[in-house]
């Protein structure tokens, strides 16, 4: 429960896109791909465990919370065990990172350290950035730009402008996942002095922001394909427009916890399908 498996498509999806783009350019190493995938998932699980521990410690997760039960705050697992699990998970991620550094370059050390630090400091440390309304920015950077470009770098050992460009629409979707999460938790976060972007913007503006992120992912992808001269096959990802429209309609009309939990899961599914179709478009074009 603490690892939050339903959120893991957010870490898996950008690795698929970055690797598919490398294959589009004629480069693919299976072991590097698998290591990047496992490493990304381990870092995300470690961040989820750290978040579970830190939010409970700061009093942000209470019985009034509308989302799924958190294991530390709910008393299901002793805090020390959650903390140990966090260390073990990040330790495994480091071992995977050592292999990637050996085969792809020292630059991945910087990416790995920054990613782990971002996961821990989201709700941990003296001034967690998640409590200051910066969570969405960091999700966009690390689940979009860093993850796509980093996965591309693992394969090719260089960064391409196309990788950065495709990372933008990919990063907008996990950002939308966090927006739903924080919109659902506005009331409890406000009482815990957790000043997320949703708390600062208010529920109505957060809904508009969510809609803008989903629409923006499609619009930016179309612009990138045209501007970068990429194959029109990449526009297969736009087949997710009906799903995005349903999610936008649902969050616009409802604010109860169960419905928003459904939107949260649906947005994760949207991101996974979007990135699978985008990756498939790259492979077909190859």
C-alpha atoms as a PDB file:
ATOM      1  CA  UNK A   1       0.000   0.000   0.000  1.00  0.00           C
ATOM      2  CA  UNK A   2       2.782   2.433   0.876  1.00  0.00           C
ATOM      3  CA  UNK A   3       4.500   1.864  -2.476  1.00  0.00           C
ATOM      4  CA  UNK A   4       1.265   3.051  -4.209  1.00  0.00           C
ATOM      5  CA  UNK A   5       1.398   0.678  -7.190  1.00  0.00           C
ATOM      6  CA  UNK A   6      -1.391   2.514  -9.033  1.00  0.00           C
ATOM      7  CA  UNK A   7       0.921   5.535  -9.387  1.00  0.00           C
ATOM      8  CA  UNK A   8       3.776   3.568 -10.958  1.00  0.00           C
ATOM      9  CA  UNK A   9       2.748   4.174 -14.591  1.00  0.00           C
ATOM     10  CA  UNK A  10       3.967   7.739 -13.981  1.00  0.00           C
ATOM     11  CA  UNK A  11       7.521   6.395 -13.648  1.00  0.00           C
ATOM     12  CA  UNK A  12       7.265   3.680 -16.283  1.00  0.00           C
ATOM     13  CA  UNK A  13       5.710   5.722 -19.107  1.00  0.00           C
ATOM     14  CA  UNK A  14       8.473   8.290 -19.766  1.00  0.00           C
ATOM     15  CA  UNK A  15      11.110   5.540 -19.874  1.00  0.00           C
ATOM     16  CA  UNK A  16       9.132   3.863 -22.662  1.00  0.00           C
ATOM     17  CA  UNK A  17       8.991   7.094 -24.667  1.00  0.00           C
ATOM     18  CA  UNK A  18      12.672   7.966 -24.216  1.00  0.00           C
ATOM     19  CA  UNK A  19      13.737   4.456 -25.181  1.00  0.00           C
ATOM     20  CA  UNK A  20      11.381   4.346 -28.178  1.00  0.00           C
ATOM     21  CA  UNK A  21      12.805   7.655 -29.412  1.00  0.00           C
ATOM     22  CA  UNK A  22      16.312   6.187 -29.198  1.00  0.00           C
ATOM     23  CA  UNK A  23      15.118   3.193 -31.208  1.00  0.00           C
ATOM     24  CA  UNK A  24      13.573   5.635 -33.719  1.00  0.00           C
ATOM     25  CA  UNK A  25      17.160   6.860 -34.206  1.00  0.00           C
ATOM     26  CA  UNK A  26      18.411   3.285 -34.589  1.00  0.00           C
ATOM     27  CA  UNK A  27      19.802   2.653 -31.092  1.00  0.00           C
ATOM     28  CA  UNK A  28      18.430   0.105 -28.595  1.00  0.00           C
ATOM     29  CA  UNK A  29      20.133  -1.800 -25.754  1.00  0.00           C
ATOM     30  CA  UNK A  30      17.782  -4.187 -23.953  1.00  0.00           C
ATOM     31  CA  UNK A  31      19.701  -4.424 -20.668  1.00  0.00           C
ATOM     32  CA  UNK A  32      20.037  -0.650 -20.434  1.00  0.00           C
ATOM     33  CA  UNK A  33      16.307  -0.286 -21.043  1.00  0.00           C
ATOM     34  CA  UNK A  34      15.425  -2.815 -18.343  1.00  0.00           C
ATOM     35  CA  UNK A  35      17.842  -1.204 -15.880  1.00  0.00           C
ATOM     36  CA  UNK A  36      16.449   2.270 -16.573  1.00  0.00           C
ATOM     37  CA  UNK A  37      12.916   0.963 -16.108  1.00  0.00           C
ATOM     38  CA  UNK A  38      13.701  -0.808 -12.825  1.00  0.00           C
ATOM     39  CA  UNK A  39      15.722   2.149 -11.559  1.00  0.00           C
ATOM     40  CA  UNK A  40      12.941   4.620 -12.316  1.00  0.00           C
ATOM     41  CA  UNK A  41      10.344   2.456 -10.570  1.00  0.00           C
ATOM     42  CA  UNK A  42      12.571   1.952  -7.517  1.00  0.00           C
ATOM     43  CA  UNK A  43      13.138   5.687  -7.177  1.00  0.00           C
ATOM     44  CA  UNK A  44       9.390   6.306  -7.446  1.00  0.00           C
ATOM     45  CA  UNK A  45       8.561   3.636  -4.864  1.00  0.00           C
ATOM     46  CA  UNK A  46      11.247   5.053  -2.569  1.00  0.00           C
ATOM     47  CA  UNK A  47       9.739   8.522  -2.966  1.00  0.00           C
ATOM     48  CA  UNK A  48       6.266   7.165  -2.174  1.00  0.00           C
ATOM     49  CA  UNK A  49       7.547   5.451   0.971  1.00  0.00           C
ATOM     50  CA  UNK A  50       9.387   8.590   2.044  1.00  0.00           C
ATOM     51  CA  UNK A  51       6.253  10.648   1.415  1.00  0.00           C
ATOM     52  CA  UNK A  52       4.142   8.232   3.484  1.00  0.00           C
ATOM     53  CA  UNK A  53       6.555   8.545   6.407  1.00  0.00           C
ATOM     54  CA  UNK A  54       7.099  12.314   6.186  1.00  0.00           C
ATOM     55  CA  UNK A  55       3.429  13.301   5.771  1.00  0.00           C
ATOM     56  CA  UNK A  56       2.511  11.228   8.819  1.00  0.00           C
ATOM     57  CA  UNK A  57       5.333  12.831  10.801  1.00  0.00           C
ATOM     58  CA  UNK A  58       4.111  16.326   9.864  1.00  0.00           C
ATOM     59  CA  UNK A  59       0.448  15.538  10.512  1.00  0.00           C
ATOM     60  CA  UNK A  60      -0.705  16.007   6.910  1.00  0.00           C
ATOM     61  CA  UNK A  61      -2.269  12.509   6.696  1.00  0.00           C
ATOM     62  CA  UNK A  62      -5.245  12.273   9.075  1.00  0.00           C
ATOM     63  CA  UNK A  63      -8.437  10.235   9.383  1.00  0.00           C
ATOM     64  CA  UNK A  64     -10.258  13.016   7.516  1.00  0.00           C
ATOM     65  CA  UNK A  65      -8.187  12.464   4.381  1.00  0.00           C
ATOM     66  CA  UNK A  66     -10.293  11.492   1.344  1.00  0.00           C
ATOM     67  CA  UNK A  67      -7.603   9.435  -0.384  1.00  0.00           C
ATOM     68  CA  UNK A  68      -6.457   5.854   0.276  1.00  0.00           C
ATOM     69  CA  UNK A  69      -5.215   5.044   3.783  1.00  0.00           C
ATOM     70  CA  UNK A  70      -1.533   5.796   4.335  1.00  0.00           C
ATOM     71  CA  UNK A  71       0.185   2.992   6.200  1.00  0.00           C
ATOM     72  CA  UNK A  72       2.233   5.150   8.596  1.00  0.00           C
ATOM     73  CA  UNK A  73      -0.524   7.566   9.599  1.00  0.00           C
ATOM     74  CA  UNK A  74      -3.054   4.715   9.716  1.00  0.00           C
ATOM     75  CA  UNK A  75      -0.899   2.713  12.123  1.00  0.00           C
ATOM     76  CA  UNK A  76      -0.679  -0.243   9.752  1.00  0.00           C
ATOM     77  CA  UNK A  77       3.138  -0.295   9.727  1.00  0.00           C
ATOM     78  CA  UNK A  78       5.502   1.160  12.361  1.00  0.00           C
ATOM     79  CA  UNK A  79       7.232   4.350  11.137  1.00  0.00           C
ATOM     80  CA  UNK A  80      10.684   2.814  11.583  1.00  0.00           C
ATOM     81  CA  UNK A  81       9.821  -0.039   9.224  1.00  0.00           C
ATOM     82  CA  UNK A  82       8.586   2.399   6.570  1.00  0.00           C
ATOM     83  CA  UNK A  83      11.820   4.371   6.940  1.00  0.00           C
ATOM     84  CA  UNK A  84      13.937   1.223   6.613  1.00  0.00           C
ATOM     85  CA  UNK A  85      11.963   0.192   3.523  1.00  0.00           C
ATOM     86  CA  UNK A  86      12.669   3.652   2.065  1.00  0.00           C
ATOM     87  CA  UNK A  87      16.419   3.234   2.594  1.00  0.00           C
ATOM     88  CA  UNK A  88      16.415  -0.292   1.140  1.00  0.00           C
ATOM     89  CA  UNK A  89      14.466   0.791  -1.952  1.00  0.00           C
ATOM     90  CA  UNK A  90      16.735   3.747  -2.650  1.00  0.00           C
ATOM     91  CA  UNK A  91      19.743   1.492  -2.028  1.00  0.00           C
ATOM     92  CA  UNK A  92      18.538  -0.917  -4.711  1.00  0.00           C
ATOM     93  CA  UNK A  93      18.037   2.042  -7.054  1.00  0.00           C
ATOM     94  CA  UNK A  94      21.648   3.068  -6.441  1.00  0.00           C
ATOM     95  CA  UNK A  95      22.855  -0.435  -7.371  1.00  0.00           C
ATOM     96  CA  UNK A  96      20.955  -0.240 -10.649  1.00  0.00           C
ATOM     97  CA  UNK A  97      22.399   3.233 -11.146  1.00  0.00           C
ATOM     98  CA  UNK A  98      25.953   1.941 -10.769  1.00  0.00           C
ATOM     99  CA  UNK A  99      25.387  -0.369 -13.742  1.00  0.00           C
ATOM    100  CA  UNK A 100      23.903   2.448 -15.839  1.00  0.00           C
ATOM    101  CA  UNK A 101      26.796   4.763 -14.992  1.00  0.00           C
ATOM    102  CA  UNK A 102      29.253   2.053 -16.033  1.00  0.00           C
ATOM    103  CA  UNK A 103      27.620   1.474 -19.412  1.00  0.00           C
ATOM    104  CA  UNK A 104      26.293   4.930 -20.278  1.00  0.00           C
ATOM    105  CA  UNK A 105      28.307   7.585 -18.480  1.00  0.00           C
ATOM    106  CA  UNK A 106      28.958   9.512 -15.272  1.00  0.00           C
ATOM    107  CA  UNK A 107      26.219  12.021 -16.123  1.00  0.00           C
ATOM    108  CA  UNK A 108      23.668   9.497 -14.875  1.00  0.00           C
ATOM    109  CA  UNK A 109      25.116   9.882 -11.376  1.00  0.00           C
ATOM    110  CA  UNK A 110      23.872  13.467 -11.355  1.00  0.00           C
ATOM    111  CA  UNK A 111      20.447  12.400 -12.631  1.00  0.00           C
ATOM    112  CA  UNK A 112      20.152   9.661 -10.010  1.00  0.00           C
ATOM    113  CA  UNK A 113      21.229  11.832  -7.083  1.00  0.00           C
ATOM    114  CA  UNK A 114      18.915  14.655  -8.154  1.00  0.00           C
ATOM    115  CA  UNK A 115      15.981  12.247  -8.612  1.00  0.00           C
ATOM    116  CA  UNK A 116      16.409  10.645  -5.186  1.00  0.00           C
ATOM    117  CA  UNK A 117      16.828  14.048  -3.543  1.00  0.00           C
ATOM    118  CA  UNK A 118      13.677  15.318  -5.251  1.00  0.00           C
ATOM    119  CA  UNK A 119      11.744  12.272  -4.030  1.00  0.00           C
ATOM    120  CA  UNK A 120      12.859  12.699  -0.414  1.00  0.00           C
ATOM    121  CA  UNK A 121      12.568  16.487  -0.202  1.00  0.00           C
ATOM    122  CA  UNK A 122       9.030  16.558  -1.630  1.00  0.00           C
ATOM    123  CA  UNK A 123       7.633  16.125   1.883  1.00  0.00           C
ATOM    124  CA  UNK A 124      10.851  15.571   3.856  1.00  0.00           C
ATOM    125  CA  UNK A 125      13.661  17.803   5.075  1.00  0.00           C
ATOM    126  CA  UNK A 126      13.439  21.159   6.846  1.00  0.00           C
ATOM    127  CA  UNK A 127      11.499  22.899   4.035  1.00  0.00           C
ATOM    128  CA  UNK A 128       9.682  20.350   1.848  1.00  0.00           C
ATOM    129  CA  UNK A 129       8.917  21.880  -1.532  1.00  0.00           C
ATOM    130  CA  UNK A 130       5.618  19.974  -1.741  1.00  0.00           C
ATOM    131  CA  UNK A 131       4.374  22.145   1.135  1.00  0.00           C
ATOM    132  CA  UNK A 132       5.277  25.317  -0.763  1.00  0.00           C
ATOM    133  CA  UNK A 133       3.273  24.716  -3.938  1.00  0.00           C
ATOM    134  CA  UNK A 134       6.231  23.480  -6.022  1.00  0.00           C
ATOM    135  CA  UNK A 135       5.250  19.826  -6.334  1.00  0.00           C
ATOM    136  CA  UNK A 136       3.786  20.163  -9.829  1.00  0.00           C
ATOM    137  CA  UNK A 137       6.910  21.869 -11.152  1.00  0.00           C
ATOM    138  CA  UNK A 138       9.189  19.108  -9.858  1.00  0.00           C
ATOM    139  CA  UNK A 139       6.887  16.354 -11.150  1.00  0.00           C
ATOM    140  CA  UNK A 140       6.963  17.946 -14.605  1.00  0.00           C
ATOM    141  CA  UNK A 141      10.757  18.184 -14.498  1.00  0.00           C
ATOM    142  CA  UNK A 142      11.522  14.707 -13.135  1.00  0.00           C
ATOM    143  CA  UNK A 143       8.661  12.635 -14.619  1.00  0.00           C
ATOM    144  CA  UNK A 144       8.900  14.502 -17.902  1.00  0.00           C
ATOM    145  CA  UNK A 145      12.142  16.216 -18.899  1.00  0.00           C
ATOM    146  CA  UNK A 146      14.574  14.191 -16.779  1.00  0.00           C
ATOM    147  CA  UNK A 147      12.898  10.797 -17.278  1.00  0.00           C
ATOM    148  CA  UNK A 148      12.435  11.010 -21.062  1.00  0.00           C
ATOM    149  CA  UNK A 149      15.761  12.706 -21.811  1.00  0.00           C
ATOM    150  CA  UNK A 150      17.558  10.495 -19.280  1.00  0.00           C
ATOM    151  CA  UNK A 151      16.157   7.301 -20.814  1.00  0.00           C
ATOM    152  CA  UNK A 152      17.176   8.541 -24.247  1.00  0.00           C
ATOM    153  CA  UNK A 153      20.670   9.307 -22.911  1.00  0.00           C
ATOM    154  CA  UNK A 154      20.970   5.801 -21.421  1.00  0.00           C
ATOM    155  CA  UNK A 155      20.600   4.378 -24.916  1.00  0.00           C
ATOM    156  CA  UNK A 156      22.495   6.933 -27.021  1.00  0.00           C
ATOM    157  CA  UNK A 157      24.901   8.620 -24.544  1.00  0.00           C
ATOM    158  CA  UNK A 158      23.838  12.060 -25.751  1.00  0.00           C
ATOM    159  CA  UNK A 159      20.841  14.400 -25.413  1.00  0.00           C
ATOM    160  CA  UNK A 160      18.770  15.275 -28.464  1.00  0.00           C
ATOM    161  CA  UNK A 161      16.469  18.284 -28.871  1.00  0.00           C
ATOM    162  CA  UNK A 162      13.687  15.899 -29.900  1.00  0.00           C
ATOM    163  CA  UNK A 163      13.971  14.125 -26.540  1.00  0.00           C
ATOM    164  CA  UNK A 164      13.509  17.404 -24.680  1.00  0.00           C
ATOM    165  CA  UNK A 165      10.600  18.386 -26.915  1.00  0.00           C
ATOM    166  CA  UNK A 166       8.739  15.082 -26.501  1.00  0.00           C
ATOM    167  CA  UNK A 167       9.366  15.209 -22.750  1.00  0.00           C
ATOM    168  CA  UNK A 168       7.115  18.269 -22.478  1.00  0.00           C
ATOM    169  CA  UNK A 169       3.752  16.627 -23.343  1.00  0.00           C
ATOM    170  CA  UNK A 170       4.799  13.488 -21.470  1.00  0.00           C
ATOM    171  CA  UNK A 171       5.562  15.549 -18.346  1.00  0.00           C
ATOM    172  CA  UNK A 172       2.236  17.387 -18.394  1.00  0.00           C
ATOM    173  CA  UNK A 173       0.262  14.194 -17.680  1.00  0.00           C
ATOM    174  CA  UNK A 174       1.915  13.110 -14.387  1.00  0.00           C
ATOM    175  CA  UNK A 175       1.658  16.762 -13.365  1.00  0.00           C
ATOM    176  CA  UNK A 176      -2.100  16.416 -13.876  1.00  0.00           C
ATOM    177  CA  UNK A 177      -2.069  13.353 -11.601  1.00  0.00           C
ATOM    178  CA  UNK A 178      -0.633  15.440  -8.775  1.00  0.00           C
ATOM    179  CA  UNK A 179      -3.132  18.235  -9.458  1.00  0.00           C
ATOM    180  CA  UNK A 180      -6.034  15.789  -8.957  1.00  0.00           C
ATOM    181  CA  UNK A 181      -4.438  14.430  -5.792  1.00  0.00           C
ATOM    182  CA  UNK A 182      -3.958  17.900  -4.322  1.00  0.00           C
ATOM    183  CA  UNK A 183      -7.386  19.115  -5.426  1.00  0.00           C
ATOM    184  CA  UNK A 184      -8.959  16.202  -3.560  1.00  0.00           C
ATOM    185  CA  UNK A 185      -6.911  16.979  -0.439  1.00  0.00           C
ATOM    186  CA  UNK A 186      -7.386  20.776  -0.395  1.00  0.00           C
ATOM    187  CA  UNK A 187      -9.274  20.893   2.905  1.00  0.00           C
ATOM    188  CA  UNK A 188      -7.037  18.558   4.902  1.00  0.00           C
ATOM    189  CA  UNK A 189      -3.865  20.053   3.405  1.00  0.00           C
ATOM    190  CA  UNK A 190      -5.006  23.557   4.327  1.00  0.00           C
ATOM    191  CA  UNK A 191      -5.589  22.504   7.943  1.00  0.00           C
ATOM    192  CA  UNK A 192      -2.133  20.877   8.036  1.00  0.00           C
ATOM    193  CA  UNK A 193      -0.556  24.095   6.651  1.00  0.00           C
ATOM    194  CA  UNK A 194       0.459  22.174   3.525  1.00  0.00           C
ATOM    195  CA  UNK A 195       0.252  24.996   0.981  1.00  0.00           C
ATOM    196  CA  UNK A 196       0.092  23.008  -2.221  1.00  0.00           C
ATOM    197  CA  UNK A 197      -0.600  24.712  -5.513  1.00  0.00           C
ATOM    198  CA  UNK A 198      -4.233  23.568  -5.227  1.00  0.00           C
ATOM    199  CA  UNK A 199      -4.538  25.199  -1.807  1.00  0.00           C
ATOM    200  CA  UNK A 200      -3.079  28.427  -3.181  1.00  0.00           C
ATOM    201  CA  UNK A 201      -5.201  28.426  -6.361  1.00  0.00           C
ATOM    202  CA  UNK A 202      -8.470  27.140  -4.970  1.00  0.00           C
ATOM    203  CA  UNK A 203     -10.602  24.247  -6.206  1.00  0.00           C
ATOM    204  CA  UNK A 204     -12.098  25.981  -9.267  1.00  0.00           C
ATOM    205  CA  UNK A 205      -8.746  27.139 -10.643  1.00  0.00           C
ATOM    206  CA  UNK A 206      -7.194  23.734  -9.913  1.00  0.00           C
ATOM    207  CA  UNK A 207      -9.874  22.093 -12.052  1.00  0.00           C
ATOM    208  CA  UNK A 208      -9.106  24.518 -14.877  1.00  0.00           C
ATOM    209  CA  UNK A 209      -5.394  23.855 -14.471  1.00  0.00           C
ATOM    210  CA  UNK A 210      -6.032  20.106 -14.701  1.00  0.00           C
ATOM    211  CA  UNK A 211      -8.016  20.561 -17.913  1.00  0.00           C
ATOM    212  CA  UNK A 212      -5.285  22.786 -19.335  1.00  0.00           C
ATOM    213  CA  UNK A 213      -2.638  20.146 -18.661  1.00  0.00           C
ATOM    214  CA  UNK A 214      -4.559  17.403 -20.480  1.00  0.00           C
ATOM    215  CA  UNK A 215      -5.417  19.617 -23.444  1.00  0.00           C
ATOM    216  CA  UNK A 216      -1.896  21.027 -23.430  1.00  0.00           C
ATOM    217  CA  UNK A 217      -0.336  17.565 -23.738  1.00  0.00           C
ATOM    218  CA  UNK A 218      -2.181  16.998 -27.019  1.00  0.00           C
ATOM    219  CA  UNK A 219      -1.589  20.492 -28.404  1.00  0.00           C
ATOM    220  CA  UNK A 220       2.132  20.474 -27.551  1.00  0.00           C
ATOM    221  CA  UNK A 221       2.573  17.012 -29.087  1.00  0.00           C
ATOM    222  CA  UNK A 222       1.013  18.191 -32.362  1.00  0.00           C
ATOM    223  CA  UNK A 223       3.283  21.252 -32.377  1.00  0.00           C
ATOM    224  CA  UNK A 224       6.380  19.152 -31.637  1.00  0.00           C
ATOM    225  CA  UNK A 225       5.593  16.680 -34.426  1.00  0.00           C
ATOM    226  CA  UNK A 226       5.164  19.505 -36.929  1.00  0.00           C
ATOM    227  CA  UNK A 227       8.086  21.670 -35.760  1.00  0.00           C
ATOM    228  CA  UNK A 228      10.586  18.820 -35.351  1.00  0.00           C
ATOM    229  CA  UNK A 229       9.627  17.063 -38.552  1.00  0.00           C
ATOM    230  CA  UNK A 230       8.692  13.849 -36.739  1.00  0.00           C
ATOM    231  CA  UNK A 231       6.467  11.172 -38.214  1.00  0.00           C
ATOM    232  CA  UNK A 232       2.707  11.673 -38.089  1.00  0.00           C
ATOM    233  CA  UNK A 233       2.542   8.197 -36.520  1.00  0.00           C
ATOM    234  CA  UNK A 234       3.354   9.876 -33.187  1.00  0.00           C
ATOM    235  CA  UNK A 235      -0.114  11.436 -33.307  1.00  0.00           C
ATOM    236  CA  UNK A 236      -1.519   8.015 -32.412  1.00  0.00           C
ATOM    237  CA  UNK A 237      -1.337   9.350 -28.850  1.00  0.00           C
ATOM    238  CA  UNK A 238      -4.223  11.689 -29.706  1.00  0.00           C
ATOM    239  CA  UNK A 239      -6.528   8.655 -29.669  1.00  0.00           C
ATOM    240  CA  UNK A 240      -6.684   9.284 -25.908  1.00  0.00           C
ATOM    241  CA  UNK A 241      -8.642  12.539 -26.427  1.00  0.00           C
ATOM    242  CA  UNK A 242     -12.046  10.950 -25.571  1.00  0.00           C
ATOM    243  CA  UNK A 243     -10.662   9.587 -22.290  1.00  0.00           C
ATOM    244  CA  UNK A 244      -9.167  12.980 -21.427  1.00  0.00           C
ATOM    245  CA  UNK A 245     -12.496  14.667 -22.217  1.00  0.00           C
ATOM    246  CA  UNK A 246     -14.369  12.314 -19.856  1.00  0.00           C
ATOM    247  CA  UNK A 247     -11.886  12.963 -17.049  1.00  0.00           C
ATOM    248  CA  UNK A 248     -12.136  16.729 -17.503  1.00  0.00           C
ATOM    249  CA  UNK A 249     -15.941  16.530 -17.453  1.00  0.00           C
ATOM    250  CA  UNK A 250     -15.902  14.421 -14.281  1.00  0.00           C
ATOM    251  CA  UNK A 251     -13.548  16.641 -12.287  1.00  0.00           C
ATOM    252  CA  UNK A 252     -15.507  19.705 -13.407  1.00  0.00           C
ATOM    253  CA  UNK A 253     -18.740  18.373 -11.899  1.00  0.00           C
ATOM    254  CA  UNK A 254     -17.630  16.455  -8.802  1.00  0.00           C
ATOM    255  CA  UNK A 255     -15.487  17.106  -5.736  1.00  0.00           C
ATOM    256  CA  UNK A 256     -16.203  14.075  -3.527  1.00  0.00           C
ATOM    257  CA  UNK A 257     -13.323  11.821  -2.559  1.00  0.00           C
ATOM    258  CA  UNK A 258     -14.385   8.562  -4.270  1.00  0.00           C
ATOM    259  CA  UNK A 259     -15.024  10.304  -7.600  1.00  0.00           C
ATOM    260  CA  UNK A 260     -11.712  12.171  -7.490  1.00  0.00           C
ATOM    261  CA  UNK A 261      -9.936   8.940  -6.579  1.00  0.00           C
ATOM    262  CA  UNK A 262     -11.449   7.533  -9.774  1.00  0.00           C
ATOM    263  CA  UNK A 263     -10.210  10.554 -11.750  1.00  0.00           C
ATOM    264  CA  UNK A 264      -6.771  10.053 -10.191  1.00  0.00           C
ATOM    265  CA  UNK A 265      -6.649   6.412 -11.323  1.00  0.00           C
ATOM    266  CA  UNK A 266      -8.079   7.382 -14.717  1.00  0.00           C
ATOM    267  CA  UNK A 267      -5.400  10.024 -15.228  1.00  0.00           C
ATOM    268  CA  UNK A 268      -2.719   7.438 -14.491  1.00  0.00           C
ATOM    269  CA  UNK A 269      -4.304   5.141 -17.075  1.00  0.00           C
ATOM    270  CA  UNK A 270      -4.490   8.035 -19.524  1.00  0.00           C
ATOM    271  CA  UNK A 271      -0.772   8.713 -19.130  1.00  0.00           C
ATOM    272  CA  UNK A 272       0.123   5.051 -19.632  1.00  0.00           C
ATOM    273  CA  UNK A 273      -2.040   4.640 -22.760  1.00  0.00           C
ATOM    274  CA  UNK A 274      -0.856   8.005 -24.147  1.00  0.00           C
ATOM    275  CA  UNK A 275       2.805   7.032 -23.749  1.00  0.00           C
ATOM    276  CA  UNK A 276       2.248   3.512 -25.066  1.00  0.00           C
ATOM    277  CA  UNK A 277       0.633   4.941 -28.204  1.00  0.00           C
ATOM    278  CA  UNK A 278       3.371   7.567 -28.542  1.00  0.00           C
ATOM    279  CA  UNK A 279       6.029   4.851 -28.197  1.00  0.00           C
ATOM    280  CA  UNK A 280       4.173   2.654 -30.676  1.00  0.00           C
ATOM    281  CA  UNK A 281       4.097   5.556 -33.139  1.00  0.00           C
ATOM    282  CA  UNK A 282       7.863   5.941 -32.822  1.00  0.00           C
ATOM    283  CA  UNK A 283       8.428   2.209 -33.354  1.00  0.00           C
ATOM    284  CA  UNK A 284       6.124   2.104 -36.390  1.00  0.00           C
ATOM    285  CA  UNK A 285       7.870   5.136 -37.873  1.00  0.00           C
ATOM    286  CA  UNK A 286      11.222   3.426 -37.309  1.00  0.00           C
END
